Amino acid sequence: MVLIGVLVTIHEFGHFIVARMCKVHVQRFSIGMGPVFYKRNDKHGTEFALSAIPLGGYVSMITNKLIELEPEIKETLTEEQVKNTFDSKPKWQRASIMFAGPLANFLLSIFIFTAIFLNTPDPQTIPVVNKVNEVSINYSSSYFLQKDDRILKINGVSVRDAKDVNLELLSYAGFTGSLNLEILRPSVENPILIQIYVSKFLPTTESQNEPLEYLGITLDYKMQPYIGSVISGGAADIGTLRANDKILSIADREINFAEEIRDEVSKNPNANLVFKVERDNETLYLPISIGSSLKDGIEYGVLGVSFGTTRSFSQSLNKGIYETYNLSLKTLQFVGKMISGNMGTENLSGPIGIAQMAGNTAQAGFLPFMYLMALLSISLAVLNLLPIPVLDGGQLTLLGIEALRGKPLPEKVENLIYSGGIVLVVMLMIFAVFNDVSRFI
């Protein structure tokens, strides 16, 4: 509940700050819902409140309609505040205020992703084919998948880990046509395009939970042979290996993945091995004296490195922006597939499910919890931009209609639209809570 409250408060703060920039008078900014137990007014006459139910929050802006319905409010306002109602502002300002809430959530996710990427190594993983069930695959190209093929792209989108692969395949639920896999084969110099024909792809919830299994492929996610960090005083440090070095070979053995470095080093304790290394587009040959360690009476070679690469701030920011964009697009696609019936709605979660996920990720550690926060922030932003009248997207849609007509819709029509929007949102919430409860039964 607290996590939802934080995300909604940031969302509402986006509305508030842009409303303040547009000089719209904000009557109240509440953190939480329901009865107010603490409040304080600022110099602009805005009441900042803490409310009893820690589920979200809201921004209450003065409108001409509110003044008409409650004339006594006018007596509490200055002449300047009465002039600066929300509906007195130009359409672009009203649209900016409405869009500012989702934008705040997008910016939050970019900030979180950037911080995560900046403080964690890039594992440099790549999906590698482990097993292929040829019976279940209908190829529409002259090339066939083989063991040890490295999957680079699915329909032109780069994939590097299980999340990338599953998200990309899920985005084609219900699709009929060819999935284009760009792969790199160890025995072939250039990438190969493999086409797999699918018909009504991933038709069931079970298949959507395991898209690779439905496709007939098993993948391993192997780390590429990049050095992430070097232990001071260890064999790698003395041998002048550096972070971000790519190991090409060890003692003439070609290296493709990080696990092969471990294997080669482990079986050569106290040996002198020549490492062929790529560093800043240069090839170096470094003689390294491997260290050793005893485990269960057996001596193993030790190098003193971790794997992966470090990211600069600009790389982390760029990846944070891309991750936010990509996950926003996927969220929108999945919503569309739920509406069209091509994707099951069983995974739609309400507050109970979100609270459970938050608890599980909090136990897993700080970074998984922050990653979940970024994902939920994206979901909140995207869902609020849907053209449902009571949501920001619905209000932006009505502003667009007003711009085309040159005047607002009749009040009765607007009221009917808003009532329908409220009913739809309530139904979605009930359905999401039902899904949450059914998981515990």
Protein backbone atom coordinates (compact mmCIF):
# COMPACT_ATOMS: atom_id res chain seq x y z
CA MET A 1 0.00 0.00 0.00
CA VAL A 2 2.84 2.38 0.86
CA LEU A 3 4.47 1.71 -2.54
CA ILE A 4 1.22 2.56 -4.35
CA GLY A 5 0.88 5.67 -2.19
CA VAL A 6 4.38 6.87 -3.10
CA LEU A 7 3.82 6.35 -6.83
CA VAL A 8 0.43 8.09 -6.85
CA THR A 9 1.80 10.97 -4.75
CA ILE A 10 4.61 11.50 -7.29
CA HIS A 11 1.98 11.34 -10.05
CA GLU A 12 -0.14 13.98 -8.33
CA PHE A 13 2.92 16.12 -7.64
CA GLY A 14 3.46 16.26 -11.41
CA HIS A 15 -0.05 17.70 -11.82
CA PHE A 16 0.54 20.10 -8.91
CA ILE A 17 3.86 21.55 -10.01
CA VAL A 18 2.73 22.23 -13.59
CA ALA A 19 -0.57 23.70 -12.33
CA ARG A 20 1.49 26.01 -10.12
CA MET A 21 3.67 26.95 -13.12
CA CYS A 22 0.51 27.77 -15.10
CA LYS A 23 -0.75 29.86 -12.12
CA VAL A 24 -3.80 27.64 -11.62
CA HIS A 25 -4.93 27.84 -8.01
CA VAL A 26 -4.60 24.48 -6.26
CA GLN A 27 -7.03 24.26 -3.36
CA ARG A 28 -5.57 21.11 -1.79
CA PHE A 29 -2.71 18.67 -2.34
CA SER A 30 -3.40 15.58 -0.28
CA ILE A 31 -1.10 12.65 0.39
CA GLY A 32 -3.51 9.79 1.05
CA MET A 33 -7.27 9.63 0.74
CA GLY A 34 -10.20 10.00 3.11
CA PRO A 35 -10.36 12.09 6.33
CA VAL A 36 -7.59 14.69 6.78
CA PHE A 37 -5.65 14.35 10.04
CA TYR A 38 -2.99 17.00 9.36
CA LYS A 39 -2.98 20.07 7.14
CA ARG A 40 -0.95 23.18 6.55
CA ASN A 41 -1.40 26.10 4.15
CA ASP A 42 1.40 27.66 2.13
CA LYS A 43 1.71 31.31 1.09
CA HIS A 44 -0.26 30.63 -2.13
CA GLY A 45 -3.30 29.44 -0.18
CA THR A 46 -2.80 25.76 -1.07
CA GLU A 47 -3.65 23.31 1.70
CA PHE A 48 -1.13 20.48 2.02
CA ALA A 49 -2.82 17.58 3.78
CA LEU A 50 -2.10 14.14 5.14
CA SER A 51 -5.14 11.89 4.90
CA ALA A 52 -6.03 8.72 6.77
CA ILE A 53 -5.96 6.12 3.96
CA PRO A 54 -2.39 5.71 2.63
CA LEU A 55 -3.59 4.80 -0.86
CA GLY A 56 -2.58 7.48 -3.35
CA GLY A 57 -3.48 11.12 -3.11
CA TYR A 58 -5.09 13.89 -5.11
CA VAL A 59 -4.78 17.49 -6.30
CA SER A 60 -7.89 19.65 -6.06
CA MET A 61 -7.82 22.60 -8.48
CA ILE A 62 -10.34 25.44 -8.54
CA THR A 63 -12.62 25.40 -11.59
CA ASN A 64 -15.41 27.67 -12.77
CA LYS A 65 -17.81 24.74 -12.52
CA LEU A 66 -16.85 24.22 -8.85
CA ILE A 67 -17.47 27.91 -8.11
CA GLU A 68 -20.88 27.67 -9.79
CA LEU A 69 -21.82 24.60 -7.74
CA GLU A 70 -20.43 25.96 -4.48
CA PRO A 71 -20.61 29.78 -4.61
CA GLU A 72 -19.44 30.10 -1.00
CA ILE A 73 -15.96 28.94 -2.10
CA LYS A 74 -15.53 32.23 -3.93
CA GLU A 75 -15.54 34.09 -0.62
CA THR A 76 -12.40 32.21 0.48
CA LEU A 77 -10.50 33.08 -2.71
CA THR A 78 -8.65 36.20 -3.79
CA GLU A 79 -9.55 37.94 -7.04
CA GLU A 80 -6.32 36.59 -8.58
CA GLN A 81 -7.23 33.01 -7.60
CA VAL A 82 -10.73 33.33 -9.07
CA LYS A 83 -9.19 34.53 -12.35
CA ASN A 84 -6.81 31.55 -12.43
CA THR A 85 -9.20 28.62 -12.50
CA PHE A 86 -8.23 25.44 -14.36
CA ASP A 87 -10.86 25.81 -17.07
CA SER A 88 -9.96 29.46 -17.70
CA LYS A 89 -6.54 28.46 -19.00
CA PRO A 90 -5.63 27.85 -22.67
CA LYS A 91 -6.05 24.28 -23.89
CA TRP A 92 -2.30 23.67 -24.13
CA GLN A 93 -1.85 24.59 -20.47
CA ARG A 94 -4.71 22.33 -19.37
CA ALA A 95 -3.27 19.52 -21.48
CA SER A 96 0.18 20.11 -19.94
CA ILE A 97 -1.28 19.87 -16.44
CA MET A 98 -3.06 16.62 -17.30
CA PHE A 99 0.00 15.07 -18.96
CA ALA A 100 2.31 16.12 -16.12
CA GLY A 101 1.11 13.31 -13.83
CA PRO A 102 2.08 10.45 -16.18
CA LEU A 103 5.24 12.36 -17.12
CA ALA A 104 6.29 12.44 -13.45
CA ASN A 105 5.94 8.65 -13.32
CA PHE A 106 7.95 8.21 -16.52
CA LEU A 107 10.70 10.47 -15.13
CA LEU A 108 10.70 8.52 -11.87
CA SER A 109 11.22 5.24 -13.73
CA ILE A 110 14.04 6.76 -15.81
CA PHE A 111 15.70 7.99 -12.60
CA ILE A 112 15.38 4.58 -10.90
CA PHE A 113 16.61 2.62 -13.93
CA THR A 114 19.55 5.01 -14.39
CA ALA A 115 20.55 4.61 -10.73
CA ILE A 116 20.29 0.81 -10.96
CA PHE A 117 22.33 0.60 -14.18
CA LEU A 118 24.94 3.01 -12.84
CA ASN A 119 25.45 0.95 -9.68
CA THR A 120 25.39 -2.55 -11.15
CA PRO A 121 27.63 -4.17 -13.78
CA ASP A 122 26.21 -4.94 -17.19
CA PRO A 123 26.31 -8.76 -17.23
CA GLN A 124 26.69 -8.77 -21.03
CA THR A 125 24.54 -11.88 -21.38
CA ILE A 126 23.43 -13.32 -24.70
CA PRO A 127 20.69 -15.93 -25.37
CA VAL A 128 22.26 -19.16 -26.64
CA VAL A 129 20.22 -22.06 -28.01
CA ASN A 130 20.58 -25.15 -25.84
CA LYS A 131 17.88 -27.43 -27.26
CA VAL A 132 15.54 -27.28 -30.25
CA ASN A 133 12.35 -29.31 -30.65
CA GLU A 134 12.27 -29.45 -34.44
CA VAL A 135 8.84 -31.13 -34.45
CA SER A 136 7.12 -28.08 -32.98
CA ILE A 137 8.88 -25.50 -35.18
CA ASN A 138 7.50 -24.59 -38.59
CA TYR A 139 10.36 -22.90 -40.45
CA SER A 140 9.57 -20.55 -43.31
CA SER A 141 13.23 -20.03 -44.28
CA SER A 142 16.02 -22.24 -45.59
CA TYR A 143 17.96 -21.92 -42.32
CA PHE A 144 17.16 -23.89 -39.15
CA LEU A 145 17.99 -23.23 -35.53
CA GLN A 146 20.89 -25.23 -34.12
CA LYS A 147 22.40 -25.77 -30.70
CA ASP A 148 24.85 -22.96 -29.74
CA ASP A 149 23.19 -20.40 -32.06
CA ARG A 150 23.27 -16.97 -30.41
CA ILE A 151 20.01 -15.03 -30.77
CA LEU A 152 20.74 -11.35 -31.42
CA LYS A 153 17.32 -9.98 -32.43
CA ILE A 154 13.66 -10.97 -32.62
CA ASN A 155 11.85 -9.12 -35.42
CA GLY A 156 14.55 -6.46 -35.41
CA VAL A 157 14.53 -5.87 -31.63
CA SER A 158 17.77 -6.65 -29.77
CA VAL A 159 17.45 -9.22 -26.98
CA ARG A 160 20.04 -9.96 -24.30
CA ASP A 161 18.38 -11.73 -21.40
CA ALA A 162 15.30 -13.73 -20.41
CA LYS A 163 13.25 -10.58 -19.79
CA ASP A 164 13.97 -9.23 -23.29
CA VAL A 165 13.17 -12.53 -25.00
CA ASN A 166 9.93 -13.20 -23.10
CA LEU A 167 8.64 -9.63 -23.47
CA GLU A 168 9.30 -9.62 -27.20
CA LEU A 169 7.63 -13.00 -27.75
CA LEU A 170 4.65 -12.02 -25.56
CA SER A 171 4.12 -8.92 -27.67
CA TYR A 172 3.22 -11.28 -30.56
CA ALA A 173 0.50 -13.20 -28.68
CA GLY A 174 -2.28 -13.96 -31.16
CA PHE A 175 0.01 -13.19 -34.13
CA THR A 176 -0.06 -15.21 -37.36
CA GLY A 177 2.96 -14.86 -39.61
CA SER A 178 6.75 -15.15 -39.43
CA LEU A 179 8.91 -14.48 -36.39
CA ASN A 180 12.30 -13.33 -37.67
CA LEU A 181 15.25 -14.39 -35.53
CA GLU A 182 18.64 -12.88 -36.30
CA ILE A 183 21.25 -15.32 -35.02
CA LEU A 184 25.03 -15.62 -34.92
CA ARG A 185 26.35 -19.14 -35.53
CA PRO A 186 29.87 -20.06 -34.32
CA SER A 187 30.76 -21.63 -37.68
CA VAL A 188 29.46 -18.68 -39.76
CA GLU A 189 31.03 -15.21 -39.85
CA ASN A 190 27.92 -13.09 -40.56
CA PRO A 191 24.50 -13.11 -38.83
CA ILE A 192 21.81 -15.40 -40.26
CA LEU A 193 18.08 -14.64 -40.51
CA ILE A 194 15.83 -17.52 -39.49
CA GLN A 195 12.08 -17.28 -40.03
CA ILE A 196 9.63 -19.32 -37.96
CA TYR A 197 5.99 -19.40 -39.03
CA VAL A 198 3.45 -19.20 -36.20
CA SER A 199 -0.35 -19.31 -36.28
CA LYS A 200 -2.31 -17.62 -33.48
CA PHE A 201 0.87 -17.53 -31.42
CA LEU A 202 0.62 -18.16 -27.64
CA PRO A 203 -3.14 -18.82 -27.54
CA THR A 204 -3.42 -19.80 -23.85
CA THR A 205 -2.37 -18.40 -20.48
CA GLU A 206 -0.12 -21.43 -19.97
CA SER A 207 1.71 -20.81 -23.26
CA GLN A 208 2.05 -17.11 -22.39
CA ASN A 209 3.73 -18.08 -19.12
CA GLU A 210 6.30 -20.14 -21.06
CA PRO A 211 6.57 -18.65 -24.58
CA LEU A 212 9.90 -20.35 -25.37
CA GLU A 213 8.58 -23.75 -24.36
CA TYR A 214 5.55 -23.21 -26.63
CA LEU A 215 7.90 -22.25 -29.46
CA GLY A 216 9.96 -25.41 -28.88
CA ILE A 217 13.26 -23.77 -27.87
CA THR A 218 15.36 -23.96 -24.71
CA LEU A 219 17.85 -21.15 -24.15
CA ASP A 220 20.83 -20.59 -21.88
CA TYR A 221 21.78 -17.03 -21.02
CA LYS A 222 25.56 -16.90 -21.12
CA MET A 223 27.82 -14.04 -20.09
CA GLN A 224 30.19 -12.72 -22.70
CA PRO A 225 33.88 -12.72 -21.70
CA TYR A 226 34.15 -9.12 -20.45
CA ILE A 227 36.00 -8.31 -17.24
CA GLY A 228 33.79 -6.39 -14.81
CA SER A 229 36.15 -5.68 -11.93
CA VAL A 230 39.64 -6.76 -10.89
CA ILE A 231 40.57 -7.67 -7.30
CA SER A 232 43.49 -5.55 -6.13
CA GLY A 233 46.64 -7.62 -5.75
CA GLY A 234 45.17 -10.68 -7.48
CA ALA A 235 46.60 -12.54 -10.47
CA ALA A 236 44.59 -10.46 -12.97
CA ASP A 237 45.65 -7.18 -11.36
CA ILE A 238 49.33 -8.16 -11.37
CA GLY A 239 48.97 -9.30 -14.97
CA THR A 240 47.46 -5.86 -15.87
CA LEU A 241 43.97 -7.06 -16.84
CA ARG A 242 41.52 -4.15 -16.60
CA ALA A 243 37.77 -3.63 -16.27
CA ASN A 244 35.93 -3.87 -19.63
CA ASP A 245 38.69 -5.99 -21.22
CA LYS A 246 37.32 -8.69 -23.50
CA ILE A 247 39.12 -12.04 -23.28
CA LEU A 248 39.53 -13.53 -26.76
CA SER A 249 41.65 -16.57 -25.90
CA ILE A 250 43.67 -18.18 -23.10
CA ALA A 251 46.76 -20.19 -24.05
CA ASP A 252 45.46 -20.49 -27.64
CA ARG A 253 42.03 -21.74 -26.50
CA GLU A 254 39.34 -19.56 -28.07
CA ILE A 255 37.04 -17.97 -25.48
CA ASN A 256 33.40 -17.26 -26.29
CA PHE A 257 31.80 -16.98 -22.84
CA ALA A 258 32.81 -16.07 -19.30
CA GLU A 259 32.24 -19.63 -18.06
CA GLU A 260 35.05 -20.81 -20.37
CA ILE A 261 37.45 -18.41 -18.63
CA ARG A 262 36.50 -19.96 -15.28
CA ASP A 263 37.01 -23.47 -16.68
CA GLU A 264 40.42 -22.72 -18.18
CA VAL A 265 41.73 -20.84 -15.14
CA SER A 266 40.33 -23.36 -12.64
CA LYS A 267 42.26 -26.29 -14.12
CA ASN A 268 45.56 -24.38 -14.32
CA PRO A 269 46.60 -23.37 -10.77
CA ASN A 270 50.00 -21.63 -10.54
CA ALA A 271 50.41 -21.83 -14.35
CA ASN A 272 51.69 -19.04 -16.60
CA LEU A 273 49.08 -18.44 -19.32
CA VAL A 274 48.96 -15.92 -22.15
CA PHE A 275 45.67 -14.04 -22.40
CA LYS A 276 44.67 -12.54 -25.73
CA VAL A 277 42.68 -9.42 -24.83
CA GLU A 278 40.71 -6.77 -26.72
CA ARG A 279 41.00 -3.34 -25.09
CA ASP A 280 39.88 -0.06 -26.69
CA ASN A 281 39.89 -1.70 -30.17
CA GLU A 282 43.46 -2.94 -29.66
CA THR A 283 44.58 -6.56 -29.29
CA LEU A 284 46.98 -7.26 -26.41
CA TYR A 285 48.82 -10.41 -25.31
CA LEU A 286 49.20 -10.49 -21.52
CA PRO A 287 51.21 -13.19 -19.70
CA ILE A 288 49.46 -13.88 -16.40
CA SER A 289 50.58 -16.08 -13.51
CA ILE A 290 47.42 -17.81 -12.28
CA GLY A 291 46.90 -17.93 -8.51
CA SER A 292 45.59 -20.90 -6.58
CA SER A 293 43.13 -21.88 -3.87
CA LEU A 294 42.39 -25.10 -1.98
CA LYS A 295 38.87 -26.47 -1.77
CA ASP A 296 38.11 -29.90 -0.32
CA GLY A 297 41.78 -30.76 -0.65
CA ILE A 298 41.86 -29.94 -4.36
CA GLU A 299 43.88 -27.03 -5.76
CA TYR A 300 42.10 -24.70 -8.19
CA GLY A 301 43.33 -21.81 -10.30
CA VAL A 302 42.22 -18.30 -9.31
CA LEU A 303 42.21 -15.19 -11.51
CA GLY A 304 40.62 -12.58 -9.22
CA VAL A 305 37.99 -10.99 -11.47
CA SER A 306 34.24 -10.58 -11.81
CA PHE A 307 32.52 -10.47 -15.19
CA GLY A 308 30.42 -7.86 -16.96
CA THR A 309 31.16 -4.25 -17.88
CA THR A 310 30.78 -0.97 -16.03
CA ARG A 311 28.51 1.76 -17.42
CA SER A 312 29.15 5.50 -17.54
CA PHE A 313 26.45 7.93 -16.42
CA SER A 314 25.47 8.73 -20.02
CA GLN A 315 25.24 5.01 -20.89
CA SER A 316 23.13 4.37 -17.78
CA LEU A 317 20.85 7.31 -18.60
CA ASN A 318 20.41 6.22 -22.22
CA LYS A 319 19.62 2.68 -21.11
CA GLY A 320 17.22 4.02 -18.46
CA ILE A 321 15.36 6.06 -21.10
CA TYR A 322 15.23 3.11 -23.50
CA GLU A 323 14.06 0.70 -20.78
CA THR A 324 11.26 3.10 -19.81
CA TYR A 325 10.22 3.55 -23.44
CA ASN A 326 10.35 -0.18 -24.24
CA LEU A 327 8.43 -1.27 -21.14
CA SER A 328 5.83 1.48 -21.71
CA LEU A 329 5.32 0.26 -25.27
CA LYS A 330 5.06 -3.36 -24.12
CA THR A 331 2.57 -2.41 -21.38
CA LEU A 332 0.39 -0.66 -23.96
CA GLN A 333 0.63 -3.66 -26.30
CA PHE A 334 -0.33 -6.07 -23.52
CA VAL A 335 -3.34 -3.94 -22.55
CA GLY A 336 -4.45 -3.99 -26.18
CA LYS A 337 -4.03 -7.76 -26.34
CA MET A 338 -6.08 -8.20 -23.14
CA ILE A 339 -8.85 -6.10 -24.67
CA SER A 340 -8.72 -8.07 -27.95
CA GLY A 341 -8.68 -11.38 -26.08
CA ASN A 342 -5.24 -12.44 -27.36
CA MET A 343 -3.76 -12.33 -23.87
CA GLY A 344 -5.17 -13.68 -20.62
CA THR A 345 -6.34 -11.23 -17.95
CA GLU A 346 -5.36 -13.57 -15.10
CA ASN A 347 -2.17 -11.59 -14.47
CA LEU A 348 -4.02 -8.29 -13.98
CA SER A 349 -3.25 -7.30 -10.37
CA GLY A 350 -4.96 -5.05 -7.86
CA PRO A 351 -3.65 -3.60 -4.60
CA ILE A 352 -3.41 -7.02 -2.88
CA GLY A 353 -1.28 -8.50 -5.67
CA ILE A 354 0.91 -5.39 -5.82
CA ALA A 355 1.40 -5.48 -2.05
CA GLN A 356 2.43 -9.14 -2.28
CA MET A 357 4.89 -8.42 -5.12
CA ALA A 358 6.32 -5.49 -3.15
CA GLY A 359 6.79 -7.71 -0.10
CA ASN A 360 8.51 -10.43 -2.11
CA THR A 361 10.87 -8.05 -3.89
CA ALA A 362 11.65 -6.20 -0.65
CA GLN A 363 12.80 -9.52 0.81
CA ALA A 364 14.89 -10.14 -2.31
CA GLY A 365 16.78 -6.89 -1.75
CA PHE A 366 16.80 -3.15 -2.33
CA LEU A 367 17.53 -3.22 -6.08
CA PRO A 368 14.72 -5.69 -6.97
CA PHE A 369 12.32 -3.56 -4.91
CA MET A 370 13.40 -0.40 -6.77
CA TYR A 371 13.05 -2.23 -10.10
CA LEU A 372 9.48 -3.17 -9.16
CA MET A 373 8.81 0.47 -8.26
CA ALA A 374 10.00 1.56 -11.71
CA LEU A 375 7.80 -1.07 -13.41
CA LEU A 376 4.72 -0.04 -11.43
CA SER A 377 5.46 3.64 -12.11
CA ILE A 378 5.45 2.89 -15.85
CA SER A 379 2.21 0.91 -15.51
CA LEU A 380 0.57 3.78 -13.62
CA ALA A 381 1.66 6.28 -16.27
CA VAL A 382 0.52 4.18 -19.23
CA LEU A 383 -2.83 3.22 -17.68
CA ASN A 384 -3.54 6.86 -16.81
CA LEU A 385 -2.99 7.80 -20.44
CA LEU A 386 -5.71 5.42 -21.65
CA PRO A 387 -8.69 7.36 -23.10
CA ILE A 388 -10.98 6.60 -20.14
CA PRO A 389 -12.80 9.81 -19.10
CA VAL A 390 -11.92 9.88 -15.38
CA LEU A 391 -8.23 9.26 -16.15
CA ASP A 392 -5.72 11.78 -17.51
CA GLY A 393 -5.90 10.23 -20.99
CA GLY A 394 -9.68 10.65 -21.02
CA GLN A 395 -9.39 14.31 -20.09
CA LEU A 396 -6.75 14.81 -22.78
CA THR A 397 -9.13 13.15 -25.26
CA LEU A 398 -11.96 15.49 -24.25
CA LEU A 399 -9.62 18.47 -24.65
CA GLY A 400 -8.80 17.21 -28.15
CA ILE A 401 -12.52 16.97 -28.97
CA GLU A 402 -13.01 20.47 -27.58
CA ALA A 403 -10.20 21.76 -29.81
CA LEU A 404 -11.78 20.15 -32.90
CA ARG A 405 -15.31 21.38 -32.08
CA GLY A 406 -14.17 24.81 -30.97
CA LYS A 407 -16.20 24.40 -27.78
CA PRO A 408 -16.65 21.85 -24.98
CA LEU A 409 -19.12 19.00 -25.24
CA PRO A 410 -22.57 19.67 -23.73
CA GLU A 411 -22.53 19.29 -19.95
CA LYS A 412 -25.01 16.39 -19.99
CA VAL A 413 -22.85 14.50 -22.48
CA GLU A 414 -19.71 15.12 -20.39
CA ASN A 415 -21.46 13.95 -17.23
CA LEU A 416 -22.62 10.79 -19.01
CA ILE A 417 -19.11 10.13 -20.30
CA TYR A 418 -17.56 10.65 -16.85
CA SER A 419 -20.16 8.38 -15.23
CA GLY A 420 -19.34 5.65 -17.75
CA GLY A 421 -15.64 6.12 -17.06
CA ILE A 422 -16.16 5.78 -13.31
CA VAL A 423 -18.15 2.57 -13.81
CA LEU A 424 -15.42 1.16 -16.08
CA VAL A 425 -12.61 1.97 -13.63
CA VAL A 426 -14.56 0.51 -10.69
CA MET A 427 -15.24 -2.67 -12.69
CA LEU A 428 -11.54 -2.99 -13.55
CA MET A 429 -10.61 -2.55 -9.89
CA ILE A 430 -13.14 -5.17 -8.78
CA PHE A 431 -11.85 -7.57 -11.44
CA ALA A 432 -8.21 -6.96 -10.39
CA VAL A 433 -9.03 -7.54 -6.72
CA PHE A 434 -10.95 -10.71 -7.69
CA ASN A 435 -7.81 -11.93 -9.49
CA ASP A 436 -5.76 -11.17 -6.37
CA VAL A 437 -8.12 -13.07 -4.09
CA SER A 438 -8.44 -16.05 -6.46
CA ARG A 439 -4.67 -16.58 -6.29
CA PHE A 440 -4.98 -17.32 -2.56
CA ILE A 441 -7.92 -19.72 -2.88
